[in-house]
C-alpha atoms as a PDB file:
ATOM      1  CA  MET A   1    -174.058  28.161 176.698  1.00  0.00           C
ATOM      2  CA  LYS A   2    -170.574  28.298 178.502  1.00  0.00           C
ATOM      3  CA  LYS A   3    -169.254  26.512 175.265  1.00  0.00           C
ATOM      4  CA  LEU A   4    -170.861  29.343 173.029  1.00  0.00           C
ATOM      5  CA  ILE A   5    -169.276  31.919 174.782  1.00  0.00           C
ATOM      6  CA  VAL A   6    -165.822  30.582 174.770  1.00  0.00           C
ATOM      7  CA  LEU A   7    -166.313  30.118 170.982  1.00  0.00           C
ATOM      8  CA  PHE A   8    -167.568  33.596 170.688  1.00  0.00           C
ATOM      9  CA  ILE A   9    -164.266  35.215 172.365  1.00  0.00           C
ATOM     10  CA  ILE A  10    -162.239  32.544 170.291  1.00  0.00           C
ATOM     11  CA  SER A  11    -163.642  34.076 167.124  1.00  0.00           C
ATOM     12  CA  MET A  12    -163.243  37.599 168.293  1.00  0.00           C
ATOM     13  CA  PHE A  13    -159.452  36.947 168.554  1.00  0.00           C
ATOM     14  CA  LEU A  14    -159.270  35.299 165.187  1.00  0.00           C
ATOM     15  CA  VAL A  15    -161.311  38.179 163.533  1.00  0.00           C
ATOM     16  CA  SER A  16    -158.683  40.901 164.983  1.00  0.00           C
ATOM     17  CA  ASN A  17    -155.702  38.979 163.499  1.00  0.00           C
ATOM     18  CA  VAL A  18    -157.203  39.682 160.213  1.00  0.00           C
ATOM     19  CA  PHE A  19    -156.656  43.329 160.655  1.00  0.00           C
ATOM     20  CA  ALA A  20    -153.211  43.330 161.889  1.00  0.00           C
ATOM     21  CA  ALA A  21    -150.400  45.156 159.960  1.00  0.00           C
ATOM     22  CA  ILE A  22    -148.590  43.346 157.450  1.00  0.00           C
ATOM     23  CA  ASN A  23    -145.455  44.332 155.784  1.00  0.00           C
ATOM     24  CA  ASP A  24    -145.554  47.661 157.871  1.00  0.00           C
ATOM     25  CA  TRP A  25    -142.726  49.595 159.580  1.00  0.00           C
ATOM     26  CA  LYS A  26    -141.884  48.283 163.024  1.00  0.00           C
ATOM     27  CA  GLN A  27    -145.153  46.117 162.970  1.00  0.00           C
ATOM     28  CA  GLY A  28    -147.280  49.255 162.329  1.00  0.00           C
ATOM     29  CA  ASP A  29    -147.094  50.324 165.864  1.00  0.00           C
ATOM     30  CA  ASN A  30    -143.859  51.625 166.339  1.00  0.00           C
ATOM     31  CA  SER A  31    -142.704  48.081 168.074  1.00  0.00           C
ATOM     32  CA  ALA A  32    -139.401  46.464 167.163  1.00  0.00           C
ATOM     33  CA  PRO A  33    -139.682  43.921 164.382  1.00  0.00           C
ATOM     34  CA  ILE A  34    -138.213  41.457 166.692  1.00  0.00           C
ATOM     35  CA  LEU A  35    -139.268  41.546 170.531  1.00  0.00           C
ATOM     36  CA  GLY A  36    -137.668  39.405 173.127  1.00  0.00           C
ATOM     37  CA  THR A  37    -140.880  37.537 173.536  1.00  0.00           C
ATOM     38  CA  SER A  38    -140.742  36.767 169.483  1.00  0.00           C
ATOM     39  CA  ASN A  39    -140.825  32.954 168.728  1.00  0.00           C
ATOM     40  CA  PRO A  40    -137.931  32.028 167.011  1.00  0.00           C
ATOM     41  CA  SER A  41    -139.594  30.318 164.339  1.00  0.00           C
ATOM     42  CA  ASP A  42    -141.215  33.992 163.322  1.00  0.00           C
ATOM     43  CA  ILE A  43    -137.908  35.776 163.142  1.00  0.00           C
ATOM     44  CA  ASP A  44    -137.552  35.210 159.289  1.00  0.00           C
ATOM     45  CA  ALA A  45    -141.393  36.558 158.589  1.00  0.00           C
ATOM     46  CA  ASN A  46    -140.812  39.510 161.229  1.00  0.00           C
ATOM     47  CA  LEU A  47    -137.836  40.706 159.656  1.00  0.00           C
ATOM     48  CA  SER A  48    -139.415  40.225 156.353  1.00  0.00           C
ATOM     49  CA  ASN A  49    -142.569  42.207 157.118  1.00  0.00           C
ATOM     50  CA  TYR A  50    -141.764  44.689 159.223  1.00  0.00           C
ATOM     51  CA  ALA A  51    -138.283  45.794 158.456  1.00  0.00           C
ATOM     52  CA  ILE A  52    -136.913  44.573 154.887  1.00  0.00           C
ATOM     53  CA  ASP A  53    -140.146  44.730 153.099  1.00  0.00           C
ATOM     54  CA  PRO A  54    -141.038  48.403 153.921  1.00  0.00           C
ATOM     55  CA  LEU A  55    -137.353  49.549 153.306  1.00  0.00           C
ATOM     56  CA  ASP A  56    -137.455  47.959 149.824  1.00  0.00           C
ATOM     57  CA  LYS A  57    -140.667  50.183 149.213  1.00  0.00           C
ATOM     58  CA  LEU A  58    -139.197  53.271 150.281  1.00  0.00           C
ATOM     59  CA  LEU A  59    -135.810  52.686 148.710  1.00  0.00           C
ATOM     60  CA  THR A  60    -136.600  51.334 145.350  1.00  0.00           C
ATOM     61  CA  ASN A  61    -136.023  54.674 143.665  1.00  0.00           C
ATOM     62  CA  TYR A  62    -133.897  56.199 146.017  1.00  0.00           C
ATOM     63  CA  ILE A  63    -130.752  58.347 144.647  1.00  0.00           C
ATOM     64  CA  TYR A  64    -128.663  61.168 146.187  1.00  0.00           C
ATOM     65  CA  GLY A  65    -125.606  62.569 144.360  1.00  0.00           C
ATOM     66  CA  CYS A  66    -124.556  61.111 141.368  1.00  0.00           C
ATOM     67  CA  THR A  67    -124.572  64.509 139.607  1.00  0.00           C
ATOM     68  CA  LEU A  68    -123.172  64.583 135.938  1.00  0.00           C
ATOM     69  CA  THR A  69    -120.538  67.328 135.384  1.00  0.00           C
ATOM     70  CA  TRP A  70    -119.410  68.385 131.883  1.00  0.00           C
ATOM     71  CA  ALA A  71    -115.670  67.669 131.773  1.00  0.00           C
ATOM     72  CA  THR A  72    -114.427  67.679 128.206  1.00  0.00           C
ATOM     73  CA  ALA A  73    -116.379  67.036 124.711  1.00  0.00           C
ATOM     74  CA  ASP A  74    -115.613  63.352 125.349  1.00  0.00           C
ATOM     75  CA  THR A  75    -116.134  62.875 129.036  1.00  0.00           C
ATOM     76  CA  ILE A  76    -118.469  63.149 131.998  1.00  0.00           C
ATOM     77  CA  THR A  77    -117.526  63.194 135.397  1.00  0.00           C
ATOM     78  CA  VAL A  78    -120.131  61.420 137.952  1.00  0.00           C
ATOM     79  CA  GLY A  79    -120.291  62.965 141.397  1.00  0.00           C
ATOM     80  CA  ILE A  80    -119.889  61.217 144.546  1.00  0.00           C
ATOM     81  CA  GLY A  81    -123.195  59.800 145.733  1.00  0.00           C
ATOM     82  CA  GLU A  82    -125.434  56.938 146.761  1.00  0.00           C
ATOM     83  CA  VAL A  83    -127.636  54.950 144.505  1.00  0.00           C
ATOM     84  CA  ASN A  84    -130.003  51.954 144.618  1.00  0.00           C
ATOM     85  CA  CYS A  85    -129.422  49.768 141.399  1.00  0.00           C
ATOM     86  CA  THR A  86    -131.747  46.798 140.367  1.00  0.00           C
ATOM     87  CA  ASP A  87    -132.612  44.117 137.804  1.00  0.00           C
ATOM     88  CA  GLY A  88    -136.348  45.141 138.740  1.00  0.00           C
ATOM     89  CA  THR A  89    -136.398  42.753 141.592  1.00  0.00           C
ATOM     90  CA  VAL A  90    -133.034  42.449 143.548  1.00  0.00           C
ATOM     91  CA  HIS A  91    -131.863  45.529 144.717  1.00  0.00           C
ATOM     92  CA  ARG A  92    -128.397  46.718 145.405  1.00  0.00           C
ATOM     93  CA  MET A  93    -127.152  49.815 147.453  1.00  0.00           C
ATOM     94  CA  ARG A  94    -123.828  51.396 146.352  1.00  0.00           C
ATOM     95  CA  LYS A  95    -121.976  54.197 147.471  1.00  0.00           C
ATOM     96  CA  ASN A  96    -119.305  56.265 145.449  1.00  0.00           C
ATOM     97  CA  VAL A  97    -116.736  58.339 147.803  1.00  0.00           C
ATOM     98  CA  ALA A  98    -114.971  59.596 144.847  1.00  0.00           C
ATOM     99  CA  THR A  99    -115.859  60.936 141.549  1.00  0.00           C
ATOM    100  CA  ALA A 100    -116.037  58.333 138.533  1.00  0.00           C
ATOM    101  CA  THR A 101    -115.890  59.076 134.569  1.00  0.00           C
ATOM    102  CA  VAL A 102    -117.848  58.185 131.452  1.00  0.00           C
ATOM    103  CA  THR A 103    -115.798  58.343 128.099  1.00  0.00           C
ATOM    104  CA  MET A 104    -117.939  58.536 125.313  1.00  0.00           C
ATOM    105  CA  SER A 105    -115.516  57.188 122.702  1.00  0.00           C
ATOM    106  CA  ASN A 106    -114.628  54.299 124.938  1.00  0.00           C
ATOM    107  CA  VAL A 107    -116.290  50.776 124.121  1.00  0.00           C
ATOM    108  CA  GLY A 108    -117.811  48.637 126.694  1.00  0.00           C
ATOM    109  CA  VAL A 109    -119.064  49.400 130.244  1.00  0.00           C
ATOM    110  CA  ALA A 110    -115.921  47.867 131.496  1.00  0.00           C
ATOM    111  CA  THR A 111    -113.957  50.939 130.188  1.00  0.00           C
ATOM    112  CA  GLY A 112    -116.623  53.329 131.628  1.00  0.00           C
ATOM    113  CA  GLY A 113    -117.622  53.772 127.802  1.00  0.00           C
ATOM    114  CA  VAL A 114    -120.777  53.087 125.618  1.00  0.00           C
ATOM    115  CA  ASP A 115    -122.739  49.612 126.277  1.00  0.00           C
ATOM    116  CA  THR A 116    -122.127  47.233 123.464  1.00  0.00           C
ATOM    117  CA  GLY A 117    -125.509  47.063 123.144  1.00  0.00           C
ATOM    118  CA  SER A 118    -125.767  50.567 121.756  1.00  0.00           C
ATOM    119  CA  ASP A 119    -124.638  50.004 118.293  1.00  0.00           C
ATOM    120  CA  ALA A 120    -121.676  47.785 119.176  1.00  0.00           C
ATOM    121  CA  GLY A 121    -120.777  50.482 121.416  1.00  0.00           C
ATOM    122  CA  ALA A 122    -119.641  52.989 118.805  1.00  0.00           C
ATOM    123  CA  GLU A 123    -120.166  56.532 119.484  1.00  0.00           C
ATOM    124  CA  GLN A 124    -122.704  58.493 117.612  1.00  0.00           C
ATOM    125  CA  ALA A 125    -123.036  61.865 116.406  1.00  0.00           C
ATOM    126  CA  SER A 126    -126.634  63.953 116.881  1.00  0.00           C
ATOM    127  CA  THR A 127    -127.602  61.314 119.742  1.00  0.00           C
ATOM    128  CA  TRP A 128    -128.530  61.326 123.236  1.00  0.00           C
ATOM    129  CA  TYR A 129    -126.924  58.817 125.605  1.00  0.00           C
ATOM    130  CA  ASP A 130    -128.245  57.891 128.914  1.00  0.00           C
ATOM    131  CA  ILE A 131    -125.745  57.944 132.016  1.00  0.00           C
ATOM    132  CA  TYR A 132    -126.164  54.932 134.206  1.00  0.00           C
ATOM    133  CA  ALA A 133    -124.705  53.259 137.644  1.00  0.00           C
ATOM    134  CA  GLY A 134    -124.071  49.948 137.528  1.00  0.00           C
ATOM    135  CA  ALA A 135    -123.848  47.359 140.295  1.00  0.00           C
ATOM    136  CA  ASP A 136    -122.829  43.891 139.035  1.00  0.00           C
ATOM    137  CA  ALA A 137    -119.632  43.862 140.958  1.00  0.00           C
ATOM    138  CA  ASN A 138    -119.116  42.386 144.405  1.00  0.00           C
ATOM    139  CA  ALA A 139    -118.251  45.771 145.716  1.00  0.00           C
ATOM    140  CA  THR A 140    -119.643  48.749 147.875  1.00  0.00           C
ATOM    141  CA  THR A 141    -119.071  50.869 145.206  1.00  0.00           C
ATOM    142  CA  PHE A 142    -121.039  51.720 141.580  1.00  0.00           C
ATOM    143  CA  THR A 143    -119.524  51.959 138.096  1.00  0.00           C
ATOM    144  CA  VAL A 144    -120.549  54.159 135.424  1.00  0.00           C
ATOM    145  CA  PHE A 145    -121.389  53.927 131.639  1.00  0.00           C
ATOM    146  CA  ALA A 146    -123.359  55.068 128.667  1.00  0.00           C
ATOM    147  CA  THR A 147    -125.982  53.676 126.624  1.00  0.00           C
ATOM    148  CA  LYS A 148    -127.582  55.082 123.366  1.00  0.00           C
ATOM    149  CA  GLN A 149    -131.185  56.804 124.470  1.00  0.00           C
ATOM    150  CA  GLY A 150    -133.809  54.226 124.912  1.00  0.00           C
ATOM    151  CA  THR A 151    -131.548  51.215 124.723  1.00  0.00           C
ATOM    152  CA  ALA A 152    -131.517  48.995 127.684  1.00  0.00           C
ATOM    153  CA  PRO A 153    -128.138  48.162 129.124  1.00  0.00           C
ATOM    154  CA  THR A 154    -126.814  44.815 127.889  1.00  0.00           C
ATOM    155  CA  GLN A 155    -123.491  44.382 129.519  1.00  0.00           C
ATOM    156  CA  ILE A 156    -124.956  45.251 133.240  1.00  0.00           C
ATOM    157  CA  THR A 157    -127.689  43.378 135.046  1.00  0.00           C
ATOM    158  CA  TYR A 158    -128.103  45.946 137.973  1.00  0.00           C
ATOM    159  CA  TYR A 159    -128.137  49.277 137.089  1.00  0.00           C
ATOM    160  CA  ARG A 160    -129.772  52.933 137.593  1.00  0.00           C
ATOM    161  CA  TYR A 161    -130.454  55.744 135.443  1.00  0.00           C
ATOM    162  CA  LEU A 162    -128.442  59.075 136.296  1.00  0.00           C
ATOM    163  CA  GLY A 163    -129.128  61.413 133.713  1.00  0.00           C
ATOM    164  CA  SER A 164    -128.469  62.024 129.811  1.00  0.00           C
ATOM    165  CA  VAL A 165    -126.055  63.989 127.778  1.00  0.00           C
ATOM    166  CA  TYR A 166    -125.949  64.782 123.944  1.00  0.00           C
ATOM    167  CA  ASN A 167    -123.377  64.171 121.457  1.00  0.00           C
ATOM    168  CA  ASN A 168    -123.838  66.730 118.454  1.00  0.00           C
ATOM    169  CA  VAL A 169    -123.267  66.331 114.992  1.00  0.00           C
ATOM    170  CA  GLY A 170    -119.307  66.414 115.423  1.00  0.00           C
ATOM    171  CA  LYS A 171    -119.597  63.727 118.269  1.00  0.00           C
ATOM    172  CA  ASN A 172    -119.028  66.476 121.134  1.00  0.00           C
ATOM    173  CA  MET A 173    -120.946  66.722 124.237  1.00  0.00           C
ATOM    174  CA  PRO A 174    -122.094  70.596 124.533  1.00  0.00           C
ATOM    175  CA  ASP A 175    -121.472  71.990 128.034  1.00  0.00           C
ATOM    176  CA  PHE A 176    -124.024  72.172 130.451  1.00  0.00           C
ATOM    177  CA  PHE A 177    -124.811  73.131 134.357  1.00  0.00           C
ATOM    178  CA  TRP A 178    -126.774  70.710 136.761  1.00  0.00           C
ATOM    179  CA  THR A 179    -128.492  71.442 139.665  1.00  0.00           C
ATOM    180  CA  GLY A 180    -130.198  68.884 142.300  1.00  0.00           C
ATOM    181  CA  ASN A 181    -128.956  66.260 144.399  1.00  0.00           C
ATOM    182  CA  GLY A 182    -132.169  63.744 144.143  1.00  0.00           C
ATOM    183  CA  SER A 183    -134.398  62.675 141.863  1.00  0.00           C
ATOM    184  CA  ASN A 184    -135.549  66.107 140.373  1.00  0.00           C
ATOM    185  CA  VAL A 185    -132.760  67.731 138.180  1.00  0.00           C
ATOM    186  CA  GLN A 186    -132.728  71.175 136.488  1.00  0.00           C
ATOM    187  CA  ILE A 187    -130.149  71.258 133.504  1.00  0.00           C
ATOM    188  CA  MET A 188    -128.873  74.781 131.802  1.00  0.00           C
ATOM    189  CA  TRP A 189    -127.097  74.741 128.578  1.00  0.00           C
ATOM    190  CA  ASP A 190    -123.889  76.885 128.612  1.00  0.00           C
ATOM    191  CA  ILE A 191    -124.947  78.033 125.142  1.00  0.00           C
ATOM    192  CA  PRO A 192    -128.744  77.489 124.392  1.00  0.00           C
ATOM    193  CA  ILE A 193    -130.059  75.809 121.437  1.00  0.00           C
ATOM    194  CA  SER A 194    -132.272  77.298 118.731  1.00  0.00           C
ATOM    195  CA  VAL A 195    -135.386  75.428 118.127  1.00  0.00           C
ATOM    196  CA  ALA A 196    -137.200  77.883 115.826  1.00  0.00           C
ATOM    197  CA  THR A 197    -136.541  81.053 113.936  1.00  0.00           C
ATOM    198  CA  VAL A 198    -139.560  81.377 111.660  1.00  0.00           C
ATOM    199  CA  LEU A 199    -142.691  83.248 112.673  1.00  0.00           C
ATOM    200  CA  SER A 200    -146.110  81.378 112.942  1.00  0.00           C
ATOM    201  CA  SER A 201    -148.010  84.634 111.064  1.00  0.00           C
ATOM    202  CA  GLY A 202    -150.875  85.115 113.677  1.00  0.00           C
ATOM    203  CA  ALA A 203    -151.772  81.346 114.198  1.00  0.00           C
ATOM    204  CA  TRP A 204    -150.260  78.394 116.038  1.00  0.00           C
ATOM    205  CA  SER A 205    -147.213  76.882 114.337  1.00  0.00           C
ATOM    206  CA  GLY A 206    -146.926  73.054 113.487  1.00  0.00           C
ATOM    207  CA  ALA A 207    -145.010  70.845 116.169  1.00  0.00           C
ATOM    208  CA  ILE A 208    -141.465  72.187 116.670  1.00  0.00           C
ATOM    209  CA  SER A 209    -139.155  69.354 117.758  1.00  0.00           C
ATOM    210  CA  CYS A 210    -136.805  70.155 120.859  1.00  0.00           C
ATOM    211  CA  SER A 211    -135.387  66.789 121.143  1.00  0.00           C
ATOM    212  CA  ALA A 212    -132.018  67.971 120.330  1.00  0.00           C
ATOM    213  CA  ALA A 213    -132.162  69.989 123.118  1.00  0.00           C
ATOM    214  CA  MET A 214    -133.856  67.825 125.561  1.00  0.00           C
ATOM    215  CA  PRO A 215    -133.651  64.164 126.386  1.00  0.00           C
ATOM    216  CA  SER A 216    -136.761  61.540 126.256  1.00  0.00           C
ATOM    217  CA  THR A 217    -136.947  62.029 129.844  1.00  0.00           C
ATOM    218  CA  SER A 218    -137.649  65.386 130.123  1.00  0.00           C
ATOM    219  CA  THR A 219    -141.103  66.895 129.329  1.00  0.00           C
ATOM    220  CA  CYS A 220    -140.525  70.696 130.725  1.00  0.00           C
ATOM    221  CA  GLY A 221    -138.262  72.750 129.092  1.00  0.00           C
ATOM    222  CA  ILE A 222    -137.005  76.496 129.950  1.00  0.00           C
ATOM    223  CA  PHE A 223    -136.954  78.521 126.594  1.00  0.00           C
ATOM    224  CA  GLY A 224    -135.397  81.768 125.672  1.00  0.00           C
ATOM    225  CA  VAL A 225    -137.631  84.019 123.539  1.00  0.00           C
ATOM    226  CA  LEU A 226    -135.966  86.843 121.229  1.00  0.00           C
ATOM    227  CA  ILE A 227    -138.968  88.929 119.542  1.00  0.00           C
ATOM    228  CA  THR A 228    -138.788  91.955 117.292  1.00  0.00           C
ATOM    229  CA  GLU A 229    -141.392  94.603 116.568  1.00  0.00           C
ATOM    230  CA  LEU A 230    -142.700  94.855 112.854  1.00  0.00           C
ATOM    231  CA  VAL A 231    -141.876  98.290 111.601  1.00  0.00           C
ATOM    232  CA  GLY A 232    -145.048 100.235 111.140  1.00  0.00           C
ATOM    233  CA  GLY A 233    -146.852  99.492 114.731  1.00  0.00           C
ATOM    234  CA  GLY A 234    -148.557  96.611 116.792  1.00  0.00           C
ATOM    235  CA  ASP A 235    -147.281  94.403 119.558  1.00  0.00           C
ATOM    236  CA  ALA A 236    -144.899  91.859 119.285  1.00  0.00           C
ATOM    237  CA  GLU A 237    -145.700  88.865 121.216  1.00  0.00           C
ATOM    238  CA  CYS A 238    -144.740  85.033 121.290  1.00  0.00           C
ATOM    239  CA  PHE A 239    -146.796  82.526 122.984  1.00  0.00           C
ATOM    240  CA  LEU A 240    -145.575  78.716 123.563  1.00  0.00           C
ATOM    241  CA  ARG A 241    -147.964  75.781 124.315  1.00  0.00           C
ATOM    242  CA  VAL A 242    -147.632  72.076 124.601  1.00  0.00           C
ATOM    243  CA  ASN A 243    -147.853  70.502 121.012  1.00  0.00           C
ATOM    244  CA  GLY A 244    -151.502  69.884 120.193  1.00  0.00           C
ATOM    245  CA  LYS A 245    -152.911  71.455 123.342  1.00  0.00           C
ATOM    246  CA  THR A 246    -155.199  74.544 123.511  1.00  0.00           C
ATOM    247  CA  GLY A 247    -152.802  77.012 124.685  1.00  0.00           C
ATOM    248  CA  SER A 248    -153.992  80.680 125.101  1.00  0.00           C
ATOM    249  CA  VAL A 249    -153.091  83.752 123.168  1.00  0.00           C
ATOM    250  CA  VAL A 250    -154.367  85.960 125.894  1.00  0.00           C
ATOM    251  CA  ASN A 251    -152.182  88.344 127.696  1.00  0.00           C
ATOM    252  CA  GLY A 252    -151.904  87.055 131.145  1.00  0.00           C
ATOM    253  CA  VAL A 253    -153.255  83.655 130.479  1.00  0.00           C
ATOM    254  CA  GLY A 254    -151.031  82.309 127.810  1.00  0.00           C
ATOM    255  CA  GLN A 255    -147.182  81.438 128.254  1.00  0.00           C
ATOM    256  CA  ASN A 256    -145.893  84.547 126.363  1.00  0.00           C
ATOM    257  CA  TRP A 257    -143.129  87.130 125.875  1.00  0.00           C
ATOM    258  CA  GLY A 258    -143.736  90.454 124.148  1.00  0.00           C
ATOM    259  CA  VAL A 259    -142.116  93.789 123.427  1.00  0.00           C
ATOM    260  CA  ASN A 260    -144.030  97.208 122.695  1.00  0.00           C
ATOM    261  CA  SER A 261    -141.316 100.028 122.735  1.00  0.00           C
ATOM    262  CA  GLY A 262    -141.525 103.405 122.063  1.00  0.00           C
ATOM    263  CA  THR A 263    -139.566 103.224 118.719  1.00  0.00           C
ATOM    264  CA  LEU A 264    -141.439 100.561 116.428  1.00  0.00           C
ATOM    265  CA  GLY A 265    -138.922  97.875 115.260  1.00  0.00           C
ATOM    266  CA  GLY A 266    -137.550  97.489 118.528  1.00  0.00           C
ATOM    267  CA  SER A 267    -136.811  94.005 120.148  1.00  0.00           C
ATOM    268  CA  GLY A 268    -136.931  92.263 123.313  1.00  0.00           C
ATOM    269  CA  GLY A 269    -135.994  88.828 125.057  1.00  0.00           C
ATOM    270  CA  GLY A 270    -137.343  86.776 127.918  1.00  0.00           C
ATOM    271  CA  GLN A 271    -137.475  83.240 129.407  1.00  0.00           C
ATOM    272  CA  LEU A 272    -140.537  80.885 129.420  1.00  0.00           C
ATOM    273  CA  THR A 273    -141.113  77.638 131.162  1.00  0.00           C
ATOM    274  CA  CYS A 274    -143.310  75.318 129.080  1.00  0.00           C
ATOM    275  CA  PHE A 275    -144.055  71.614 128.987  1.00  0.00           C
ATOM    276  CA  THR A 276    -143.763  69.780 125.745  1.00  0.00           C
ATOM    277  CA  ASP A 277    -145.631  66.899 124.569  1.00  0.00           C
ATOM    278  CA  ALA A 278    -144.257  63.121 124.942  1.00  0.00           C
ATOM    279  CA  SER A 279    -141.903  63.466 121.926  1.00  0.00           C
ATOM    280  CA  GLN A 280    -140.592  66.763 123.284  1.00  0.00           C
ATOM    281  CA  GLN A 281    -142.374  69.143 120.832  1.00  0.00           C
ATOM    282  CA  ILE A 282    -144.029  72.416 121.398  1.00  0.00           C
ATOM    283  CA  GLN A 283    -146.118  74.744 119.448  1.00  0.00           C
ATOM    284  CA  HIS A 284    -145.313  78.967 119.032  1.00  0.00           C
ATOM    285  CA  TYR A 285    -147.714  81.574 118.037  1.00  0.00           C
ATOM    286  CA  GLU A 286    -146.734  85.297 117.057  1.00  0.00           C
ATOM    287  CA  GLN A 287    -148.949  88.179 117.213  1.00  0.00           C
ATOM    288  CA  ALA A 288    -149.382  90.266 113.888  1.00  0.00           C
ATOM    289  CA  GLY A 289    -147.106  93.003 115.115  1.00  0.00           C
ATOM    290  CA  SER A 290    -144.128  90.565 115.116  1.00  0.00           C
ATOM    291  CA  GLN A 291    -141.542  90.840 112.481  1.00  0.00           C
ATOM    292  CA  ALA A 292    -138.825  88.288 113.666  1.00  0.00           C
ATOM    293  CA  VAL A 293    -138.654  85.277 116.600  1.00  0.00           C
ATOM    294  CA  VAL A 294    -136.109  83.233 117.896  1.00  0.00           C
ATOM    295  CA  ILE A 295    -137.021  80.554 120.328  1.00  0.00           C
ATOM    296  CA  LEU A 296    -134.310  78.599 122.099  1.00  0.00           C
ATOM    297  CA  VAL A 297    -134.144  75.750 124.536  1.00  0.00           C
ATOM    298  CA  LYS A 298    -132.295  77.372 127.398  1.00  0.00           C
ATOM    299  CA  GLY A 299    -132.372  74.173 129.817  1.00  0.00           C
ATOM    300  CA  PHE A 300    -134.843  71.512 131.135  1.00  0.00           C
ATOM    301  CA  TYR A 301    -136.151  69.710 133.770  1.00  0.00           C
ATOM    302  CA  PHE A 302    -136.168  65.941 134.407  1.00  0.00           C
ATOM    303  CA  ASN A 303    -136.799  62.985 136.816  1.00  0.00           C
ATOM    304  CA  ARG A 304    -134.558  60.160 137.280  1.00  0.00           C
END
């Protein structure tokens, strides 16, 4: 009987170990990763389980600052900040205490230009470029460079996406304004970009691409709408929806802007926020009382 009692007590301790906190911050109970009573042979495991691994999970997507500012039609200034760069497994923490510059006409990441894996590093027109931080160098700071949108860096192993810029038909980057220091950012164009000027005539339009005004990392646009009434009467209204979805054309329900002026043929403008599909496409709908419409992308939100 005594042996059974002893075995039962031991089994209770063994079972309790199964429920011990594993890979949890400070051993999951706010005690230090390494205690004075810890066995020296457990130091590596305790540090990994109760300090390094939890921080690795928490900081994998860490970024602060590293804002993008339009400097010239050819250059972008990357602000001071902190970022975690990775190859998908190893993480390298970097911090810049001074601004850095990406020059779109430069070839290669060593010059702060375009990665050679993006069309041999040659600057392209009417193309989105992604701006990255790089951490291959044995340093405390990060470098900056660009790649063609959707093309992974080839000259850098450890990197982190910071934001995107557009090279227009003349290989010039339009000016923009940025707000946000973390992973959620809002961009507003200095000059809004027109995406639609043809009335839908009382039905939902076909897919309208906003890809010249929004990068592939964004599916939420900030739209400006200018609507003009049809001379002869009726309300002039414009509704927006995600391409292919079932947006409403009911006032107070749909995403819309309209005008009903005392003088028929009047016009008005407003701002709407609307999601897009994964290809940055929307649809629009104008009521029968509309004479003309202009839809512009004024800005967009994205996550990095």
